[in-house]
Amino acid sequence: MLTPSEIELLRQDLKSALKVLGQDEIDDAHDLIRRTGFRTTDFEILQRGDRSVAEVGAVTGVAVVIRKSKRLSKTDAAGHELSRWLFDLERDLKSGEFGSP
């Protein structure tokens, strides 16, 4: 039988395993936001895993980038081998999708 602390550790491991975005991708997104003249504190990056996948494999889902001050958001596919969302974010920041800095 597992102790409460062991159960909590397993829960944390499961949450980490189900993350769609790696910390390196989030750091890269913040760098893009800064380099294009925006404040990173004005943005929020959310992730949601696709729980409909029936087989064991790479975790996929979506990345949602929100500019809080303008109430603008963009959703892109994300996950293993789906890092295109960073290219889309850069394009959106430069093209004015999130307004001006």
PDB file of N, CA and C in Angstrom:
ATOM      1  N   MET A   1       0.839  -1.176   0.000  1.00  0.00           N
ATOM      2  CA  MET A   1       0.000   0.000   0.000  1.00  0.00           C
ATOM      3  C   MET A   1       0.885   1.240   0.000  1.00  0.00           C
ATOM      4  N   LEU A   2       0.483   2.233  -0.787  1.00  0.00           N
ATOM      5  CA  LEU A   2       1.264   3.460  -0.900  1.00  0.00           C
ATOM      6  C   LEU A   2       0.908   4.441   0.211  1.00  0.00           C
ATOM      7  N   THR A   3       1.909   5.188   0.621  1.00  0.00           N
ATOM      8  CA  THR A   3       1.680   6.239   1.616  1.00  0.00           C
ATOM      9  C   THR A   3       1.111   7.464   0.901  1.00  0.00           C
ATOM     10  N   PRO A   4       0.488   8.372   1.632  1.00  0.00           N
ATOM     11  CA  PRO A   4      -0.028   9.593   1.000  1.00  0.00           C
ATOM     12  C   PRO A   4       1.055  10.379   0.250  1.00  0.00           C
ATOM     13  N   SER A   5       2.265  10.437   0.785  1.00  0.00           N
ATOM     14  CA  SER A   5       3.325  11.173   0.094  1.00  0.00           C
ATOM     15  C   SER A   5       3.748  10.474  -1.202  1.00  0.00           C
ATOM     16  N   GLU A   6       3.744   9.145  -1.213  1.00  0.00           N
ATOM     17  CA  GLU A   6       4.064   8.410  -2.445  1.00  0.00           C
ATOM     18  C   GLU A   6       2.981   8.635  -3.500  1.00  0.00           C
ATOM     19  N   ILE A   7       1.746   8.666  -3.069  1.00  0.00           N
ATOM     20  CA  ILE A   7       0.638   8.930  -4.003  1.00  0.00           C
ATOM     21  C   ILE A   7       0.784  10.324  -4.598  1.00  0.00           C
ATOM     22  N   GLU A   8       1.125  11.297  -3.780  1.00  0.00           N
ATOM     23  CA  GLU A   8       1.310  12.667  -4.269  1.00  0.00           C
ATOM     24  C   GLU A   8       2.461  12.736  -5.268  1.00  0.00           C
ATOM     25  N   LEU A   9       3.551  12.049  -5.011  1.00  0.00           N
ATOM     26  CA  LEU A   9       4.669  12.012  -5.962  1.00  0.00           C
ATOM     27  C   LEU A   9       4.249  11.405  -7.292  1.00  0.00           C
ATOM     28  N   LEU A  10       3.465  10.343  -7.252  1.00  0.00           N
ATOM     29  CA  LEU A  10       2.975   9.730  -8.481  1.00  0.00           C
ATOM     30  C   LEU A  10       2.075  10.689  -9.253  1.00  0.00           C
ATOM     31  N   ARG A  11       1.240  11.421  -8.544  1.00  0.00           N
ATOM     32  CA  ARG A  11       0.371  12.416  -9.196  1.00  0.00           C
ATOM     33  C   ARG A  11       1.206  13.488  -9.886  1.00  0.00           C
ATOM     34  N   GLN A  12       2.243  13.957  -9.207  1.00  0.00           N
ATOM     35  CA  GLN A  12       3.111  14.971  -9.796  1.00  0.00           C
ATOM     36  C   GLN A  12       3.807  14.432 -11.041  1.00  0.00           C
ATOM     37  N   ASP A  13       4.287  13.194 -10.979  1.00  0.00           N
ATOM     38  CA  ASP A  13       4.933  12.584 -12.137  1.00  0.00           C
ATOM     39  C   ASP A  13       3.961  12.464 -13.296  1.00  0.00           C
ATOM     40  N   LEU A  14       2.727  12.086 -13.033  1.00  0.00           N
ATOM     41  CA  LEU A  14       1.722  11.961 -14.079  1.00  0.00           C
ATOM     42  C   LEU A  14       1.414  13.315 -14.701  1.00  0.00           C
ATOM     43  N   LYS A  15       1.282  14.344 -13.875  1.00  0.00           N
ATOM     44  CA  LYS A  15       1.024  15.689 -14.400  1.00  0.00           C
ATOM     45  C   LYS A  15       2.168  16.127 -15.309  1.00  0.00           C
ATOM     46  N   SER A  16       3.406  15.850 -14.893  1.00  0.00           N
ATOM     47  CA  SER A  16       4.569  16.210 -15.711  1.00  0.00           C
ATOM     48  C   SER A  16       4.569  15.445 -17.028  1.00  0.00           C
ATOM     49  N   ALA A  17       4.208  14.190 -16.983  1.00  0.00           N
ATOM     50  CA  ALA A  17       4.203  13.360 -18.183  1.00  0.00           C
ATOM     51  C   ALA A  17       3.131  13.794 -19.175  1.00  0.00           C
ATOM     52  N   LEU A  18       2.053  14.398 -18.682  1.00  0.00           N
ATOM     53  CA  LEU A  18       0.954  14.801 -19.554  1.00  0.00           C
ATOM     54  C   LEU A  18       1.085  16.222 -20.079  1.00  0.00           C
ATOM     55  N   LYS A  19       2.167  16.901 -19.752  1.00  0.00           N
ATOM     56  CA  LYS A  19       2.359  18.263 -20.243  1.00  0.00           C
ATOM     57  C   LYS A  19       2.620  18.233 -21.739  1.00  0.00           C
ATOM     58  N   VAL A  20       1.985  19.150 -22.412  1.00  0.00           N
ATOM     59  CA  VAL A  20       2.124  19.256 -23.865  1.00  0.00           C
ATOM     60  C   VAL A  20       3.377  20.043 -24.225  1.00  0.00           C
ATOM     61  N   LEU A  21       3.672  21.072 -23.445  1.00  0.00           N
ATOM     62  CA  LEU A  21       4.798  21.954 -23.732  1.00  0.00           C
ATOM     63  C   LEU A  21       5.934  21.694 -22.751  1.00  0.00           C
ATOM     64  N   GLY A  22       7.125  21.707 -23.281  1.00  0.00           N
ATOM     65  CA  GLY A  22       8.299  21.617 -22.422  1.00  0.00           C
ATOM     66  C   GLY A  22       8.679  22.999 -21.928  1.00  0.00           C
ATOM     67  N   GLN A  23       9.398  23.056 -20.828  1.00  0.00           N
ATOM     68  CA  GLN A  23       9.813  24.348 -20.283  1.00  0.00           C
ATOM     69  C   GLN A  23      10.676  25.114 -21.284  1.00  0.00           C
ATOM     70  N   ASP A  24      11.455  24.394 -22.098  1.00  0.00           N
ATOM     71  CA  ASP A  24      12.278  25.064 -23.107  1.00  0.00           C
ATOM     72  C   ASP A  24      11.417  25.782 -24.140  1.00  0.00           C
ATOM     73  N   GLU A  25      10.273  25.197 -24.509  1.00  0.00           N
ATOM     74  CA  GLU A  25       9.369  25.855 -25.456  1.00  0.00           C
ATOM     75  C   GLU A  25       8.738  27.101 -24.838  1.00  0.00           C
ATOM     76  N   ILE A  26       8.364  27.012 -23.580  1.00  0.00           N
ATOM     77  CA  ILE A  26       7.787  28.171 -22.898  1.00  0.00           C
ATOM     78  C   ILE A  26       8.826  29.279 -22.785  1.00  0.00           C
ATOM     79  N   ASP A  27      10.065  28.918 -22.459  1.00  0.00           N
ATOM     80  CA  ASP A  27      11.148  29.905 -22.403  1.00  0.00           C
ATOM     81  C   ASP A  27      11.383  30.542 -23.772  1.00  0.00           C
ATOM     82  N   ASP A  28      11.342  29.733 -24.835  1.00  0.00           N
ATOM     83  CA  ASP A  28      11.503  30.266 -26.195  1.00  0.00           C
ATOM     84  C   ASP A  28      10.368  31.225 -26.537  1.00  0.00           C
ATOM     85  N   ALA A  29       9.146  30.904 -26.121  1.00  0.00           N
ATOM     86  CA  ALA A  29       8.000  31.782 -26.376  1.00  0.00           C
ATOM     87  C   ALA A  29       8.179  33.118 -25.657  1.00  0.00           C
ATOM     88  N   HIS A  30       8.627  33.070 -24.412  1.00  0.00           N
ATOM     89  CA  HIS A  30       8.868  34.316 -23.674  1.00  0.00           C
ATOM     90  C   HIS A  30       9.956  35.142 -24.348  1.00  0.00           C
ATOM     91  N   ASP A  31      10.982  34.483 -24.858  1.00  0.00           N
ATOM     92  CA  ASP A  31      12.043  35.184 -25.573  1.00  0.00           C
ATOM     93  C   ASP A  31      11.501  35.855 -26.829  1.00  0.00           C
ATOM     94  N   LEU A  32      10.655  35.149 -27.570  1.00  0.00           N
ATOM     95  CA  LEU A  32      10.019  35.738 -28.760  1.00  0.00           C
ATOM     96  C   LEU A  32       9.185  36.962 -28.391  1.00  0.00           C
ATOM     97  N   ILE A  33       8.432  36.846 -27.331  1.00  0.00           N
ATOM     98  CA  ILE A  33       7.590  37.953 -26.884  1.00  0.00           C
ATOM     99  C   ILE A  33       8.454  39.170 -26.562  1.00  0.00           C
ATOM    100  N   ARG A  34       9.541  38.962 -25.825  1.00  0.00           N
ATOM    101  CA  ARG A  34      10.457  40.060 -25.473  1.00  0.00           C
ATOM    102  C   ARG A  34      11.109  40.662 -26.710  1.00  0.00           C
ATOM    103  N   ARG A  35      11.609  39.803 -27.600  1.00  0.00           N
ATOM    104  CA  ARG A  35      12.329  40.284 -28.796  1.00  0.00           C
ATOM    105  C   ARG A  35      11.434  41.080 -29.737  1.00  0.00           C
ATOM    106  N   THR A  36      10.148  40.845 -29.705  1.00  0.00           N
ATOM    107  CA  THR A  36       9.236  41.594 -30.579  1.00  0.00           C
ATOM    108  C   THR A  36       8.660  42.822 -29.879  1.00  0.00           C
ATOM    109  N   GLY A  37       9.189  43.145 -28.692  1.00  0.00           N
ATOM    110  CA  GLY A  37       8.848  44.397 -28.029  1.00  0.00           C
ATOM    111  C   GLY A  37       7.701  44.337 -27.035  1.00  0.00           C
ATOM    112  N   PHE A  38       7.166  43.164 -26.785  1.00  0.00           N
ATOM    113  CA  PHE A  38       6.064  43.020 -25.841  1.00  0.00           C
ATOM    114  C   PHE A  38       6.609  42.707 -24.451  1.00  0.00           C
ATOM    115  N   ARG A  39       5.751  42.864 -23.450  1.00  0.00           N
ATOM    116  CA  ARG A  39       6.093  42.489 -22.078  1.00  0.00           C
ATOM    117  C   ARG A  39       5.592  41.063 -21.831  1.00  0.00           C
ATOM    118  N   THR A  40       6.452  40.217 -21.322  1.00  0.00           N
ATOM    119  CA  THR A  40       6.044  38.831 -21.071  1.00  0.00           C
ATOM    120  C   THR A  40       4.964  38.751 -19.998  1.00  0.00           C
ATOM    121  N   THR A  41       4.929  39.724 -19.095  1.00  0.00           N
ATOM    122  CA  THR A  41       3.911  39.708 -18.041  1.00  0.00           C
ATOM    123  C   THR A  41       2.511  39.964 -18.583  1.00  0.00           C
ATOM    124  N   ASP A  42       2.419  40.454 -19.817  1.00  0.00           N
ATOM    125  CA  ASP A  42       1.120  40.717 -20.450  1.00  0.00           C
ATOM    126  C   ASP A  42       0.583  39.466 -21.148  1.00  0.00           C
ATOM    127  N   PHE A  43       1.372  38.401 -21.173  1.00  0.00           N
ATOM    128  CA  PHE A  43       0.977  37.183 -21.870  1.00  0.00           C
ATOM    129  C   PHE A  43       0.874  36.006 -20.902  1.00  0.00           C
ATOM    130  N   GLU A  44      -0.017  35.116 -21.243  1.00  0.00           N
ATOM    131  CA  GLU A  44      -0.162  33.868 -20.508  1.00  0.00           C
ATOM    132  C   GLU A  44      -0.131  32.734 -21.525  1.00  0.00           C
ATOM    133  N   ILE A  45       0.575  31.673 -21.189  1.00  0.00           N
ATOM    134  CA  ILE A  45       0.666  30.508 -22.069  1.00  0.00           C
ATOM    135  C   ILE A  45       0.036  29.326 -21.346  1.00  0.00           C
ATOM    136  N   LEU A  46      -1.015  28.800 -21.940  1.00  0.00           N
ATOM    137  CA  LEU A  46      -1.715  27.656 -21.372  1.00  0.00           C
ATOM    138  C   LEU A  46      -1.506  26.448 -22.271  1.00  0.00           C
ATOM    139  N   GLN A  47      -1.684  25.279 -21.714  1.00  0.00           N
ATOM    140  CA  GLN A  47      -1.565  24.052 -22.508  1.00  0.00           C
ATOM    141  C   GLN A  47      -2.656  23.089 -22.103  1.00  0.00           C
ATOM    142  N   ARG A  48      -3.130  22.380 -23.094  1.00  0.00           N
ATOM    143  CA  ARG A  48      -4.178  21.390 -22.825  1.00  0.00           C
ATOM    144  C   ARG A  48      -3.867  20.145 -23.645  1.00  0.00           C
ATOM    145  N   GLY A  49      -3.712  19.032 -22.955  1.00  0.00           N
ATOM    146  CA  GLY A  49      -3.434  17.770 -23.616  1.00  0.00           C
ATOM    147  C   GLY A  49      -4.684  17.195 -24.240  1.00  0.00           C
ATOM    148  N   ASP A  50      -4.504  16.438 -25.297  1.00  0.00           N
ATOM    149  CA  ASP A  50      -5.603  15.764 -25.975  1.00  0.00           C
ATOM    150  C   ASP A  50      -5.849  14.437 -25.280  1.00  0.00           C
ATOM    151  N   ARG A  51      -6.915  14.362 -24.530  1.00  0.00           N
ATOM    152  CA  ARG A  51      -7.206  13.137 -23.771  1.00  0.00           C
ATOM    153  C   ARG A  51      -7.999  12.121 -24.585  1.00  0.00           C
ATOM    154  N   SER A  52      -8.294  12.452 -25.829  1.00  0.00           N
ATOM    155  CA  SER A  52      -9.084  11.530 -26.646  1.00  0.00           C
ATOM    156  C   SER A  52      -8.244  10.451 -27.316  1.00  0.00           C
ATOM    157  N   VAL A  53      -6.934  10.580 -27.243  1.00  0.00           N
ATOM    158  CA  VAL A  53      -6.053   9.604 -27.876  1.00  0.00           C
ATOM    159  C   VAL A  53      -6.141   8.287 -27.112  1.00  0.00           C
ATOM    160  N   ALA A  54      -6.507   7.228 -27.804  1.00  0.00           N
ATOM    161  CA  ALA A  54      -6.760   5.936 -27.153  1.00  0.00           C
ATOM    162  C   ALA A  54      -5.509   5.091 -26.952  1.00  0.00           C
ATOM    163  N   GLU A  55      -4.462   5.372 -27.700  1.00  0.00           N
ATOM    164  CA  GLU A  55      -3.267   4.542 -27.592  1.00  0.00           C
ATOM    165  C   GLU A  55      -2.141   5.287 -26.895  1.00  0.00           C
ATOM    166  N   VAL A  56      -1.207   4.527 -26.373  1.00  0.00           N
ATOM    167  CA  VAL A  56      -0.062   5.113 -25.700  1.00  0.00           C
ATOM    168  C   VAL A  56       0.867   5.683 -26.760  1.00  0.00           C
ATOM    169  N   GLY A  57       1.307   6.881 -26.527  1.00  0.00           N
ATOM    170  CA  GLY A  57       2.200   7.518 -27.471  1.00  0.00           C
ATOM    171  C   GLY A  57       2.564   8.906 -26.985  1.00  0.00           C
ATOM    172  N   ALA A  58       3.074   9.704 -27.882  1.00  0.00           N
ATOM    173  CA  ALA A  58       3.473  11.060 -27.530  1.00  0.00           C
ATOM    174  C   ALA A  58       2.248  11.889 -27.163  1.00  0.00           C
ATOM    175  N   VAL A  59       2.415  12.743 -26.178  1.00  0.00           N
ATOM    176  CA  VAL A  59       1.330  13.618 -25.745  1.00  0.00           C
ATOM    177  C   VAL A  59       1.192  14.766 -26.733  1.00  0.00           C
ATOM    178  N   THR A  60      -0.013  14.994 -27.201  1.00  0.00           N
ATOM    179  CA  THR A  60      -0.300  16.112 -28.083  1.00  0.00           C
ATOM    180  C   THR A  60      -1.465  16.902 -27.500  1.00  0.00           C
ATOM    181  N   GLY A  61      -1.670  18.070 -28.028  1.00  0.00           N
ATOM    182  CA  GLY A  61      -2.754  18.919 -27.555  1.00  0.00           C
ATOM    183  C   GLY A  61      -2.647  20.284 -28.190  1.00  0.00           C
ATOM    184  N   VAL A  62      -2.938  21.314 -27.408  1.00  0.00           N
ATOM    185  CA  VAL A  62      -2.878  22.671 -27.923  1.00  0.00           C
ATOM    186  C   VAL A  62      -2.129  23.581 -26.962  1.00  0.00           C
ATOM    187  N   ALA A  63      -1.551  24.632 -27.544  1.00  0.00           N
ATOM    188  CA  ALA A  63      -0.960  25.727 -26.785  1.00  0.00           C
ATOM    189  C   ALA A  63      -1.846  26.941 -27.030  1.00  0.00           C
ATOM    190  N   VAL A  64      -2.222  27.609 -25.958  1.00  0.00           N
ATOM    191  CA  VAL A  64      -3.047  28.808 -26.058  1.00  0.00           C
ATOM    192  C   VAL A  64      -2.225  29.967 -25.522  1.00  0.00           C
ATOM    193  N   VAL A  65      -2.022  30.984 -26.371  1.00  0.00           N
ATOM    194  CA  VAL A  65      -1.285  32.178 -25.967  1.00  0.00           C
ATOM    195  C   VAL A  65      -2.298  33.303 -25.834  1.00  0.00           C
ATOM    196  N   ILE A  66      -2.296  33.946 -24.679  1.00  0.00           N
ATOM    197  CA  ILE A  66      -3.275  34.998 -24.383  1.00  0.00           C
ATOM    198  C   ILE A  66      -2.539  36.295 -24.079  1.00  0.00           C
ATOM    199  N   ARG A  67      -2.944  37.374 -24.760  1.00  0.00           N
ATOM    200  CA  ARG A  67      -2.471  38.705 -24.365  1.00  0.00           C
ATOM    201  C   ARG A  67      -3.550  39.282 -23.467  1.00  0.00           C
ATOM    202  N   LYS A  68      -3.225  39.373 -22.198  1.00  0.00           N
ATOM    203  CA  LYS A  68      -4.207  39.722 -21.183  1.00  0.00           C
ATOM    204  C   LYS A  68      -4.778  41.130 -21.351  1.00  0.00           C
ATOM    205  N   SER A  69      -3.938  42.118 -21.653  1.00  0.00           N
ATOM    206  CA  SER A  69      -4.402  43.507 -21.717  1.00  0.00           C
ATOM    207  C   SER A  69      -5.368  43.753 -22.871  1.00  0.00           C
ATOM    208  N   LYS A  70      -5.255  42.991 -23.931  1.00  0.00           N
ATOM    209  CA  LYS A  70      -6.111  43.178 -25.117  1.00  0.00           C
ATOM    210  C   LYS A  70      -7.193  42.106 -25.221  1.00  0.00           C
ATOM    211  N   ARG A  71      -7.123  41.112 -24.325  1.00  0.00           N
ATOM    212  CA  ARG A  71      -8.065  39.986 -24.368  1.00  0.00           C
ATOM    213  C   ARG A  71      -8.047  39.288 -25.729  1.00  0.00           C
ATOM    214  N   LEU A  72      -6.845  39.094 -26.228  1.00  0.00           N
ATOM    215  CA  LEU A  72      -6.648  38.400 -27.505  1.00  0.00           C
ATOM    216  C   LEU A  72      -5.996  37.056 -27.223  1.00  0.00           C
ATOM    217  N   SER A  73      -6.389  36.047 -27.979  1.00  0.00           N
ATOM    218  CA  SER A  73      -5.776  34.736 -27.794  1.00  0.00           C
ATOM    219  C   SER A  73      -5.627  34.029 -29.127  1.00  0.00           C
ATOM    220  N   LYS A  74      -4.726  33.090 -29.141  1.00  0.00           N
ATOM    221  CA  LYS A  74      -4.461  32.275 -30.324  1.00  0.00           C
ATOM    222  C   LYS A  74      -4.205  30.857 -29.847  1.00  0.00           C
ATOM    223  N   THR A  75      -4.807  29.881 -30.531  1.00  0.00           N
ATOM    224  CA  THR A  75      -4.648  28.472 -30.186  1.00  0.00           C
ATOM    225  C   THR A  75      -3.979  27.750 -31.343  1.00  0.00           C
ATOM    226  N   ASP A  76      -2.951  26.976 -31.024  1.00  0.00           N
ATOM    227  CA  ASP A  76      -2.225  26.198 -32.035  1.00  0.00           C
ATOM    228  C   ASP A  76      -1.986  24.784 -31.523  1.00  0.00           C
ATOM    229  N   ALA A  77      -1.904  23.847 -32.460  1.00  0.00           N
ATOM    230  CA  ALA A  77      -1.555  22.462 -32.111  1.00  0.00           C
ATOM    231  C   ALA A  77      -0.157  22.451 -31.510  1.00  0.00           C
ATOM    232  N   ALA A  78       0.039  21.595 -30.504  1.00  0.00           N
ATOM    233  CA  ALA A  78       1.336  21.509 -29.842  1.00  0.00           C
ATOM    234  C   ALA A  78       1.553  20.085 -29.344  1.00  0.00           C
ATOM    235  N   GLY A  79       2.773  19.814 -28.967  1.00  0.00           N
ATOM    236  CA  GLY A  79       3.108  18.498 -28.445  1.00  0.00           C
ATOM    237  C   GLY A  79       4.303  17.924 -29.161  1.00  0.00           C
ATOM    238  N   HIS A  80       4.545  16.657 -28.931  1.00  0.00           N
ATOM    239  CA  HIS A  80       5.688  15.978 -29.516  1.00  0.00           C
ATOM    240  C   HIS A  80       5.710  16.168 -31.037  1.00  0.00           C
ATOM    241  N   GLU A  81       6.814  16.724 -31.533  1.00  0.00           N
ATOM    242  CA  GLU A  81       7.020  16.982 -32.961  1.00  0.00           C
ATOM    243  C   GLU A  81       6.022  17.979 -33.533  1.00  0.00           C
ATOM    244  N   LEU A  82       5.361  18.757 -32.690  1.00  0.00           N
ATOM    245  CA  LEU A  82       4.426  19.784 -33.156  1.00  0.00           C
ATOM    246  C   LEU A  82       4.851  21.158 -32.643  1.00  0.00           C
ATOM    247  N   SER A  83       6.129  21.471 -32.715  1.00  0.00           N
ATOM    248  CA  SER A  83       6.618  22.732 -32.189  1.00  0.00           C
ATOM    249  C   SER A  83       6.395  23.883 -33.155  1.00  0.00           C
ATOM    250  N   ARG A  84       5.614  23.681 -34.175  1.00  0.00           N
ATOM    251  CA  ARG A  84       5.284  24.733 -35.141  1.00  0.00           C
ATOM    252  C   ARG A  84       4.609  25.928 -34.478  1.00  0.00           C
ATOM    253  N   TRP A  85       3.981  25.699 -33.325  1.00  0.00           N
ATOM    254  CA  TRP A  85       3.266  26.780 -32.659  1.00  0.00           C
ATOM    255  C   TRP A  85       4.182  27.957 -32.352  1.00  0.00           C
ATOM    256  N   LEU A  86       5.473  27.712 -32.135  1.00  0.00           N
ATOM    257  CA  LEU A  86       6.411  28.807 -31.875  1.00  0.00           C
ATOM    258  C   LEU A  86       6.624  29.656 -33.125  1.00  0.00           C
ATOM    259  N   PHE A  87       6.683  29.026 -34.280  1.00  0.00           N
ATOM    260  CA  PHE A  87       6.811  29.778 -35.535  1.00  0.00           C
ATOM    261  C   PHE A  87       5.543  30.600 -35.773  1.00  0.00           C
ATOM    262  N   ASP A  88       4.392  29.999 -35.484  1.00  0.00           N
ATOM    263  CA  ASP A  88       3.126  30.709 -35.634  1.00  0.00           C
ATOM    264  C   ASP A  88       3.041  31.880 -34.665  1.00  0.00           C
ATOM    265  N   LEU A  89       3.528  31.686 -33.438  1.00  0.00           N
ATOM    266  CA  LEU A  89       3.524  32.772 -32.456  1.00  0.00           C
ATOM    267  C   LEU A  89       4.382  33.928 -32.943  1.00  0.00           C
ATOM    268  N   GLU A  90       5.561  33.632 -33.451  1.00  0.00           N
ATOM    269  CA  GLU A  90       6.433  34.699 -33.954  1.00  0.00           C
ATOM    270  C   GLU A  90       5.756  35.459 -35.085  1.00  0.00           C
ATOM    271  N   ARG A  91       5.158  34.735 -36.012  1.00  0.00           N
ATOM    272  CA  ARG A  91       4.452  35.366 -37.121  1.00  0.00           C
ATOM    273  C   ARG A  91       3.314  36.252 -36.599  1.00  0.00           C
ATOM    274  N   ASP A  92       2.551  35.744 -35.643  1.00  0.00           N
ATOM    275  CA  ASP A  92       1.415  36.486 -35.099  1.00  0.00           C
ATOM    276  C   ASP A  92       1.852  37.738 -34.347  1.00  0.00           C
ATOM    277  N   LEU A  93       2.937  37.638 -33.601  1.00  0.00           N
ATOM    278  CA  LEU A  93       3.439  38.809 -32.875  1.00  0.00           C
ATOM    279  C   LEU A  93       3.912  39.888 -33.846  1.00  0.00           C
ATOM    280  N   LYS A  94       4.597  39.481 -34.913  1.00  0.00           N
ATOM    281  CA  LYS A  94       5.135  40.440 -35.883  1.00  0.00           C
ATOM    282  C   LYS A  94       4.052  41.020 -36.791  1.00  0.00           C
ATOM    283  N   SER A  95       2.990  40.256 -37.041  1.00  0.00           N
ATOM    284  CA  SER A  95       1.962  40.723 -37.977  1.00  0.00           C
ATOM    285  C   SER A  95       0.859  41.553 -37.303  1.00  0.00           C
ATOM    286  N   GLY A  96       0.903  41.668 -35.979  1.00  0.00           N
ATOM    287  CA  GLY A  96      -0.091  42.481 -35.289  1.00  0.00           C
ATOM    288  C   GLY A  96      -1.299  41.706 -34.796  1.00  0.00           C
ATOM    289  N   GLU A  97      -1.263  40.390 -34.883  1.00  0.00           N
ATOM    290  CA  GLU A  97      -2.372  39.541 -34.393  1.00  0.00           C
ATOM    291  C   GLU A  97      -2.687  39.819 -32.934  1.00  0.00           C
ATOM    292  N   PHE A  98      -1.655  40.205 -32.153  1.00  0.00           N
ATOM    293  CA  PHE A  98      -1.830  40.495 -30.735  1.00  0.00           C
ATOM    294  C   PHE A  98      -1.801  41.999 -30.469  1.00  0.00           C
ATOM    295  N   GLY A  99      -1.979  42.797 -31.510  1.00  0.00           N
ATOM    296  CA  GLY A  99      -1.885  44.245 -31.360  1.00  0.00           C
ATOM    297  C   GLY A  99      -0.435  44.689 -31.410  1.00  0.00           C
ATOM    298  N   SER A 100      -0.221  45.950 -31.083  1.00  0.00           N
ATOM    299  CA  SER A 100       1.156  46.460 -31.088  1.00  0.00           C
ATOM    300  C   SER A 100       1.735  46.386 -29.682  1.00  0.00           C
ATOM    301  N   PRO A 101       3.072  46.358 -29.608  1.00  0.00           N
ATOM    302  CA  PRO A 101       3.732  46.274 -28.283  1.00  0.00           C
ATOM    303  C   PRO A 101       3.420  47.489 -27.410  1.00  0.00           C
TER     304      PRO A 101
END
